[in-house]
Amino acid sequence: MGSGEKVFVYEDLLKHKDRNDCWLLISGKVYNVTQFLEDHPGGDEVLLAASGKDATNDFEDVGHSDDAREQMQKYYIGEVDATTIPARRMYQAQTSTAATQQEEPGFLFKIIQFLVPLLILGFAFGLQFLGKKEKTET
């Protein structure tokens, strides 16, 4: 980071998340994308939804081209102080015995769907085999 670069705190980003004033935080860098909202190929809603938070994952998940990454530089306005970024919350799916019990009948049903046709097929071959055996004995 050069000495002339502006350093923002995370709270600054929260003040700039609407159509008339939209900043994004991507990889620790702050971009003022207000002028780019109408030109964004994915629409302005995508950028507005990514504002007010760390949008790094949103940006990387899309797989932007090298040209898009170069174009970002004209919207660059500074860095964010990493110590002011809140820790990411890790959400865990809630598990309950009711959910586990619901999964078991589904699994049993899948096994039955697989086994019943096999049993019918085996029964048909068995009957055919017995039929041929009776013909050869007479």
N, C-alpha and C. Protein backbone atom coordinates (compact mmCIF):
# COMPACT_ATOMS: atom_id res chain seq x y z
N MET A 1 0.84 -1.17 0.00
CA MET A 1 0.00 0.00 0.00
C MET A 1 0.89 1.23 0.00
N GLY A 2 0.71 2.13 -0.95
CA GLY A 2 1.52 3.33 -1.03
C GLY A 2 1.14 4.33 0.03
N SER A 3 2.00 5.34 0.24
CA SER A 3 1.76 6.30 1.31
C SER A 3 0.60 7.24 0.98
N GLY A 4 0.24 7.42 -0.29
CA GLY A 4 -0.83 8.33 -0.67
C GLY A 4 -2.19 7.67 -0.73
N GLU A 5 -2.27 6.39 -0.45
CA GLU A 5 -3.55 5.68 -0.56
C GLU A 5 -4.41 5.93 0.67
N LYS A 6 -5.68 6.03 0.43
CA LYS A 6 -6.65 6.24 1.49
C LYS A 6 -6.94 4.90 2.17
N VAL A 7 -7.05 4.91 3.49
CA VAL A 7 -7.38 3.72 4.26
C VAL A 7 -8.73 3.97 4.93
N PHE A 8 -9.68 3.07 4.67
CA PHE A 8 -11.02 3.18 5.21
C PHE A 8 -11.21 2.17 6.33
N VAL A 9 -12.13 2.45 7.21
CA VAL A 9 -12.55 1.46 8.19
C VAL A 9 -13.81 0.81 7.63
N TYR A 10 -14.08 -0.40 8.08
CA TYR A 10 -15.20 -1.17 7.55
C TYR A 10 -16.53 -0.42 7.68
N GLU A 11 -16.70 0.33 8.76
CA GLU A 11 -17.93 1.07 8.97
C GLU A 11 -18.19 2.08 7.86
N ASP A 12 -17.10 2.59 7.23
CA ASP A 12 -17.26 3.51 6.11
C ASP A 12 -18.02 2.84 4.96
N LEU A 13 -17.74 1.57 4.74
CA LEU A 13 -18.40 0.85 3.65
C LEU A 13 -19.91 0.77 3.85
N LEU A 14 -20.32 0.68 5.10
CA LEU A 14 -21.74 0.54 5.40
C LEU A 14 -22.53 1.80 5.05
N LYS A 15 -21.84 2.91 4.91
CA LYS A 15 -22.50 4.19 4.56
C LYS A 15 -22.66 4.35 3.05
N HIS A 16 -22.10 3.42 2.28
CA HIS A 16 -22.07 3.57 0.82
C HIS A 16 -22.61 2.32 0.15
N LYS A 17 -23.90 2.09 0.30
CA LYS A 17 -24.46 0.87 -0.28
C LYS A 17 -25.82 1.09 -0.94
N ASP A 18 -25.95 2.21 -1.62
CA ASP A 18 -27.20 2.43 -2.37
C ASP A 18 -26.88 2.85 -3.79
N ARG A 19 -27.92 3.01 -4.57
CA ARG A 19 -27.78 3.27 -6.00
C ARG A 19 -27.01 4.57 -6.30
N ASN A 20 -27.09 5.55 -5.41
CA ASN A 20 -26.44 6.84 -5.63
C ASN A 20 -25.03 6.89 -5.07
N ASP A 21 -24.64 5.88 -4.31
CA ASP A 21 -23.32 5.87 -3.67
C ASP A 21 -22.99 4.43 -3.28
N CYS A 22 -22.30 3.71 -4.15
CA CYS A 22 -22.09 2.28 -3.95
C CYS A 22 -20.60 1.94 -3.95
N TRP A 23 -20.13 1.42 -2.81
CA TRP A 23 -18.75 0.97 -2.68
C TRP A 23 -18.73 -0.53 -2.48
N LEU A 24 -17.68 -1.15 -3.00
CA LEU A 24 -17.48 -2.59 -2.81
C LEU A 24 -16.12 -2.84 -2.17
N LEU A 25 -16.09 -3.87 -1.33
CA LEU A 25 -14.83 -4.33 -0.73
C LEU A 25 -14.50 -5.67 -1.36
N ILE A 26 -13.38 -5.70 -2.11
CA ILE A 26 -12.95 -6.93 -2.77
C ILE A 26 -11.46 -7.10 -2.50
N SER A 27 -11.11 -8.20 -1.86
CA SER A 27 -9.72 -8.53 -1.54
C SER A 27 -9.01 -7.40 -0.79
N GLY A 28 -9.71 -6.80 0.15
CA GLY A 28 -9.12 -5.76 0.97
C GLY A 28 -9.06 -4.39 0.33
N LYS A 29 -9.53 -4.28 -0.92
CA LYS A 29 -9.51 -3.01 -1.63
C LYS A 29 -10.93 -2.47 -1.75
N VAL A 30 -11.03 -1.15 -1.71
CA VAL A 30 -12.33 -0.49 -1.78
C VAL A 30 -12.49 0.13 -3.17
N TYR A 31 -13.65 -0.12 -3.77
CA TYR A 31 -13.97 0.39 -5.10
C TYR A 31 -15.27 1.17 -5.04
N ASN A 32 -15.29 2.36 -5.63
CA ASN A 32 -16.52 3.13 -5.76
C ASN A 32 -17.10 2.82 -7.13
N VAL A 33 -18.10 1.96 -7.16
CA VAL A 33 -18.65 1.47 -8.43
C VAL A 33 -19.96 2.17 -8.80
N THR A 34 -20.23 3.30 -8.18
CA THR A 34 -21.48 4.02 -8.43
C THR A 34 -21.67 4.29 -9.92
N GLN A 35 -20.63 4.77 -10.59
CA GLN A 35 -20.73 5.10 -12.02
C GLN A 35 -20.83 3.87 -12.92
N PHE A 36 -20.49 2.71 -12.36
CA PHE A 36 -20.48 1.47 -13.14
C PHE A 36 -21.77 0.67 -13.01
N LEU A 37 -22.65 1.06 -12.09
CA LEU A 37 -23.85 0.27 -11.83
C LEU A 37 -24.66 -0.02 -13.09
N GLU A 38 -24.90 0.99 -13.90
CA GLU A 38 -25.72 0.79 -15.11
C GLU A 38 -25.01 -0.01 -16.19
N ASP A 39 -23.68 -0.02 -16.15
CA ASP A 39 -22.91 -0.72 -17.19
C ASP A 39 -22.56 -2.15 -16.82
N HIS A 40 -22.78 -2.55 -15.59
CA HIS A 40 -22.38 -3.89 -15.15
C HIS A 40 -23.17 -4.95 -15.91
N PRO A 41 -22.49 -5.89 -16.56
CA PRO A 41 -23.17 -6.91 -17.37
C PRO A 41 -24.18 -7.76 -16.57
N GLY A 42 -23.94 -7.94 -15.29
CA GLY A 42 -24.85 -8.73 -14.47
C GLY A 42 -25.99 -7.91 -13.88
N GLY A 43 -26.01 -6.62 -14.16
CA GLY A 43 -27.05 -5.74 -13.63
C GLY A 43 -26.61 -5.07 -12.34
N ASP A 44 -27.24 -3.95 -12.04
CA ASP A 44 -26.86 -3.20 -10.85
C ASP A 44 -27.26 -3.90 -9.56
N GLU A 45 -28.28 -4.76 -9.61
CA GLU A 45 -28.73 -5.45 -8.40
C GLU A 45 -27.62 -6.32 -7.81
N VAL A 46 -26.81 -6.91 -8.67
CA VAL A 46 -25.72 -7.77 -8.22
C VAL A 46 -24.72 -6.96 -7.40
N LEU A 47 -24.37 -5.78 -7.89
CA LEU A 47 -23.41 -4.94 -7.19
C LEU A 47 -24.01 -4.39 -5.90
N LEU A 48 -25.26 -3.98 -5.95
CA LEU A 48 -25.91 -3.45 -4.76
C LEU A 48 -26.02 -4.52 -3.67
N ALA A 49 -26.29 -5.75 -4.07
CA ALA A 49 -26.39 -6.85 -3.10
C ALA A 49 -25.04 -7.15 -2.46
N ALA A 50 -23.96 -6.88 -3.17
CA ALA A 50 -22.62 -7.16 -2.65
C ALA A 50 -22.04 -6.01 -1.84
N SER A 51 -22.70 -4.86 -1.85
CA SER A 51 -22.20 -3.71 -1.10
C SER A 51 -22.53 -3.86 0.38
N GLY A 52 -21.75 -3.19 1.21
CA GLY A 52 -21.98 -3.25 2.65
C GLY A 52 -21.44 -4.50 3.31
N LYS A 53 -20.64 -5.27 2.59
CA LYS A 53 -20.04 -6.49 3.14
C LYS A 53 -18.76 -6.76 2.36
N ASP A 54 -18.02 -7.78 2.76
CA ASP A 54 -16.84 -8.19 2.01
C ASP A 54 -17.34 -8.98 0.80
N ALA A 55 -17.18 -8.43 -0.38
CA ALA A 55 -17.71 -9.02 -1.60
C ALA A 55 -16.69 -9.88 -2.33
N THR A 56 -15.59 -10.22 -1.68
CA THR A 56 -14.53 -10.99 -2.33
C THR A 56 -15.04 -12.32 -2.87
N ASN A 57 -15.74 -13.08 -2.04
CA ASN A 57 -16.24 -14.39 -2.49
C ASN A 57 -17.24 -14.24 -3.62
N ASP A 58 -18.12 -13.26 -3.53
CA ASP A 58 -19.10 -13.02 -4.60
C ASP A 58 -18.38 -12.74 -5.91
N PHE A 59 -17.34 -11.91 -5.84
CA PHE A 59 -16.59 -11.55 -7.04
C PHE A 59 -15.85 -12.75 -7.62
N GLU A 60 -15.17 -13.50 -6.77
CA GLU A 60 -14.37 -14.63 -7.24
C GLU A 60 -15.24 -15.78 -7.74
N ASP A 61 -16.40 -15.99 -7.15
CA ASP A 61 -17.28 -17.09 -7.57
C ASP A 61 -17.76 -16.93 -9.01
N VAL A 62 -17.86 -15.69 -9.47
CA VAL A 62 -18.34 -15.44 -10.82
C VAL A 62 -17.28 -15.77 -11.86
N GLY A 63 -16.02 -15.63 -11.50
CA GLY A 63 -14.94 -15.93 -12.45
C GLY A 63 -14.77 -14.81 -13.45
N HIS A 64 -14.54 -13.60 -12.98
CA HIS A 64 -14.38 -12.45 -13.85
C HIS A 64 -13.15 -12.57 -14.74
N SER A 65 -13.22 -12.00 -15.90
CA SER A 65 -12.13 -12.04 -16.88
C SER A 65 -11.00 -11.10 -16.44
N ASP A 66 -9.87 -11.23 -17.12
CA ASP A 66 -8.74 -10.34 -16.86
C ASP A 66 -9.10 -8.91 -17.22
N ASP A 67 -9.90 -8.75 -18.28
CA ASP A 67 -10.34 -7.40 -18.67
C ASP A 67 -11.18 -6.75 -17.57
N ALA A 68 -12.06 -7.54 -16.96
CA ALA A 68 -12.89 -7.01 -15.87
C ALA A 68 -12.01 -6.60 -14.70
N ARG A 69 -11.00 -7.40 -14.41
CA ARG A 69 -10.11 -7.08 -13.30
C ARG A 69 -9.31 -5.80 -13.59
N GLU A 70 -8.92 -5.61 -14.83
CA GLU A 70 -8.21 -4.38 -15.20
C GLU A 70 -9.14 -3.18 -15.11
N GLN A 71 -10.37 -3.35 -15.54
CA GLN A 71 -11.35 -2.27 -15.52
C GLN A 71 -11.64 -1.81 -14.08
N MET A 72 -11.52 -2.71 -13.13
CA MET A 72 -11.77 -2.37 -11.72
C MET A 72 -10.85 -1.27 -11.23
N GLN A 73 -9.66 -1.20 -11.78
CA GLN A 73 -8.66 -0.26 -11.28
C GLN A 73 -9.12 1.19 -11.35
N LYS A 74 -9.96 1.52 -12.33
CA LYS A 74 -10.40 2.91 -12.42
C LYS A 74 -11.43 3.27 -11.35
N TYR A 75 -11.96 2.27 -10.66
CA TYR A 75 -12.92 2.51 -9.58
C TYR A 75 -12.29 2.38 -8.20
N TYR A 76 -11.01 2.04 -8.16
CA TYR A 76 -10.28 1.85 -6.91
C TYR A 76 -10.13 3.18 -6.17
N ILE A 77 -10.49 3.19 -4.88
CA ILE A 77 -10.37 4.42 -4.10
C ILE A 77 -9.52 4.26 -2.84
N GLY A 78 -9.16 3.02 -2.49
CA GLY A 78 -8.30 2.84 -1.32
C GLY A 78 -8.38 1.43 -0.78
N GLU A 79 -7.83 1.28 0.42
CA GLU A 79 -7.78 -0.02 1.10
C GLU A 79 -8.69 0.05 2.33
N VAL A 80 -8.98 -1.11 2.88
CA VAL A 80 -9.72 -1.15 4.14
C VAL A 80 -8.77 -1.63 5.23
N ASP A 81 -8.92 -1.07 6.40
CA ASP A 81 -8.14 -1.51 7.55
C ASP A 81 -8.66 -2.89 7.95
N ALA A 82 -7.86 -3.91 7.75
CA ALA A 82 -8.29 -5.29 7.97
C ALA A 82 -8.71 -5.56 9.40
N THR A 83 -8.20 -4.78 10.33
CA THR A 83 -8.57 -5.00 11.74
C THR A 83 -9.99 -4.55 12.03
N THR A 84 -10.60 -3.78 11.12
CA THR A 84 -11.97 -3.29 11.35
C THR A 84 -13.03 -4.18 10.71
N ILE A 85 -12.59 -5.18 9.94
CA ILE A 85 -13.55 -6.08 9.28
C ILE A 85 -14.04 -7.08 10.31
N PRO A 86 -15.37 -7.19 10.48
CA PRO A 86 -15.88 -8.16 11.46
C PRO A 86 -15.58 -9.59 11.03
N ALA A 87 -15.40 -10.44 12.02
CA ALA A 87 -15.14 -11.86 11.73
C ALA A 87 -16.35 -12.46 11.05
N ARG A 88 -16.09 -13.35 10.12
CA ARG A 88 -17.19 -14.02 9.42
C ARG A 88 -17.85 -15.02 10.34
N ARG A 89 -19.14 -15.05 10.28
CA ARG A 89 -19.89 -16.01 11.07
C ARG A 89 -19.97 -17.31 10.31
N MET A 90 -19.73 -18.38 11.02
CA MET A 90 -19.85 -19.70 10.41
C MET A 90 -21.18 -20.30 10.84
N TYR A 91 -22.04 -20.52 9.90
CA TYR A 91 -23.34 -21.08 10.20
C TYR A 91 -23.30 -22.59 10.07
N GLN A 92 -23.92 -23.26 11.02
CA GLN A 92 -24.00 -24.70 10.97
C GLN A 92 -25.46 -25.09 10.84
N ALA A 93 -25.70 -26.05 10.02
CA ALA A 93 -27.07 -26.53 9.86
C ALA A 93 -27.51 -27.19 11.15
N GLN A 94 -28.73 -26.90 11.53
CA GLN A 94 -29.26 -27.51 12.74
C GLN A 94 -29.70 -28.92 12.43
N THR A 95 -29.30 -29.82 13.28
CA THR A 95 -29.71 -31.20 13.12
C THR A 95 -30.62 -31.56 14.26
N SER A 96 -31.64 -32.31 13.95
CA SER A 96 -32.56 -32.76 14.99
C SER A 96 -32.91 -34.21 14.73
N THR A 97 -33.46 -34.85 15.73
CA THR A 97 -33.84 -36.25 15.56
C THR A 97 -34.97 -36.38 14.57
N ALA A 98 -35.82 -35.36 14.47
CA ALA A 98 -36.93 -35.42 13.51
C ALA A 98 -36.39 -35.45 12.08
N ALA A 99 -35.36 -34.66 11.80
CA ALA A 99 -34.78 -34.65 10.47
C ALA A 99 -34.13 -35.99 10.16
N THR A 100 -33.46 -36.57 11.14
CA THR A 100 -32.81 -37.86 10.94
C THR A 100 -33.85 -38.94 10.68
N GLN A 101 -34.94 -38.90 11.40
CA GLN A 101 -35.98 -39.91 11.22
C GLN A 101 -36.62 -39.78 9.85
N GLN A 102 -36.72 -38.55 9.32
CA GLN A 102 -37.31 -38.37 8.00
C GLN A 102 -36.41 -38.94 6.91
N GLU A 103 -35.12 -38.90 7.11
CA GLU A 103 -34.20 -39.39 6.10
C GLU A 103 -34.21 -40.91 6.02
N GLU A 104 -34.40 -41.60 7.12
CA GLU A 104 -34.37 -43.05 7.13
C GLU A 104 -35.44 -43.69 6.25
N PRO A 105 -36.72 -43.28 6.32
CA PRO A 105 -37.70 -43.87 5.42
C PRO A 105 -37.36 -43.62 3.95
N GLY A 106 -36.77 -42.47 3.64
CA GLY A 106 -36.37 -42.19 2.27
C GLY A 106 -35.31 -43.17 1.79
N PHE A 107 -34.36 -43.48 2.66
CA PHE A 107 -33.31 -44.42 2.32
C PHE A 107 -33.89 -45.82 2.15
N LEU A 108 -34.76 -46.22 3.06
CA LEU A 108 -35.41 -47.53 2.97
C LEU A 108 -36.24 -47.63 1.70
N PHE A 109 -36.93 -46.56 1.37
CA PHE A 109 -37.74 -46.55 0.16
C PHE A 109 -36.87 -46.73 -1.09
N LYS A 110 -35.70 -46.10 -1.11
CA LYS A 110 -34.80 -46.25 -2.25
C LYS A 110 -34.30 -47.68 -2.38
N ILE A 111 -34.01 -48.30 -1.25
CA ILE A 111 -33.56 -49.70 -1.28
C ILE A 111 -34.68 -50.60 -1.81
N ILE A 112 -35.89 -50.37 -1.34
CA ILE A 112 -37.03 -51.17 -1.80
C ILE A 112 -37.25 -50.98 -3.29
N GLN A 113 -37.13 -49.73 -3.77
CA GLN A 113 -37.28 -49.47 -5.20
C GLN A 113 -36.25 -50.24 -6.01
N PHE A 114 -35.09 -50.45 -5.47
CA PHE A 114 -34.03 -51.18 -6.16
C PHE A 114 -34.23 -52.69 -6.05
N LEU A 115 -34.63 -53.17 -4.86
CA LEU A 115 -34.72 -54.60 -4.63
C LEU A 115 -35.97 -55.24 -5.25
N VAL A 116 -37.10 -54.56 -5.24
CA VAL A 116 -38.34 -55.15 -5.76
C VAL A 116 -38.19 -55.55 -7.23
N PRO A 117 -37.69 -54.70 -8.10
CA PRO A 117 -37.52 -55.15 -9.49
C PRO A 117 -36.55 -56.32 -9.62
N LEU A 118 -35.50 -56.33 -8.78
CA LEU A 118 -34.57 -57.45 -8.83
C LEU A 118 -35.25 -58.75 -8.39
N LEU A 119 -36.07 -58.67 -7.36
CA LEU A 119 -36.80 -59.86 -6.91
C LEU A 119 -37.78 -60.35 -7.98
N ILE A 120 -38.48 -59.45 -8.61
CA ILE A 120 -39.41 -59.83 -9.68
C ILE A 120 -38.65 -60.47 -10.84
N LEU A 121 -37.54 -59.88 -11.20
CA LEU A 121 -36.72 -60.43 -12.28
C LEU A 121 -36.20 -61.81 -11.91
N GLY A 122 -35.74 -61.98 -10.68
CA GLY A 122 -35.26 -63.29 -10.23
C GLY A 122 -36.38 -64.31 -10.21
N PHE A 123 -37.56 -63.91 -9.77
CA PHE A 123 -38.72 -64.81 -9.75
C PHE A 123 -39.09 -65.25 -11.18
N ALA A 124 -39.05 -64.30 -12.13
CA ALA A 124 -39.38 -64.63 -13.52
C ALA A 124 -38.38 -65.62 -14.10
N PHE A 125 -37.07 -65.39 -13.84
CA PHE A 125 -36.06 -66.32 -14.33
C PHE A 125 -36.22 -67.69 -13.67
N GLY A 126 -36.55 -67.69 -12.39
CA GLY A 126 -36.78 -68.96 -11.69
C GLY A 126 -37.92 -69.74 -12.30
N LEU A 127 -39.03 -69.08 -12.59
CA LEU A 127 -40.17 -69.75 -13.23
C LEU A 127 -39.80 -70.27 -14.62
N GLN A 128 -39.06 -69.48 -15.36
CA GLN A 128 -38.64 -69.90 -16.69
C GLN A 128 -37.73 -71.13 -16.60
N PHE A 129 -36.81 -71.10 -15.66
CA PHE A 129 -35.90 -72.22 -15.47
C PHE A 129 -36.67 -73.49 -15.10
N LEU A 130 -37.62 -73.37 -14.16
CA LEU A 130 -38.44 -74.53 -13.77
C LEU A 130 -39.28 -75.01 -14.93
N GLY A 131 -39.80 -74.10 -15.74
CA GLY A 131 -40.60 -74.49 -16.90
C GLY A 131 -39.77 -75.29 -17.90
N LYS A 132 -38.55 -74.86 -18.15
CA LYS A 132 -37.69 -75.57 -19.08
C LYS A 132 -37.29 -76.94 -18.49
N LYS A 133 -37.07 -76.99 -17.20
CA LYS A 133 -36.66 -78.24 -16.55
C LYS A 133 -37.79 -79.27 -16.64
N GLU A 134 -39.02 -78.83 -16.45
CA GLU A 134 -40.18 -79.75 -16.53
C GLU A 134 -40.34 -80.28 -17.96
N LYS A 135 -40.12 -79.44 -18.96
CA LYS A 135 -40.24 -79.88 -20.37
C LYS A 135 -39.21 -80.94 -20.71
N THR A 136 -38.00 -80.79 -20.19
CA THR A 136 -36.94 -81.75 -20.50
C THR A 136 -37.19 -83.08 -19.79
N GLU A 137 -37.88 -83.05 -18.67
CA GLU A 137 -38.14 -84.29 -17.93
C GLU A 137 -39.28 -85.08 -18.56
N THR A 138 -40.15 -84.47 -19.28
CA THR A 138 -41.28 -85.21 -19.87
C THR A 138 -41.01 -85.74 -21.22
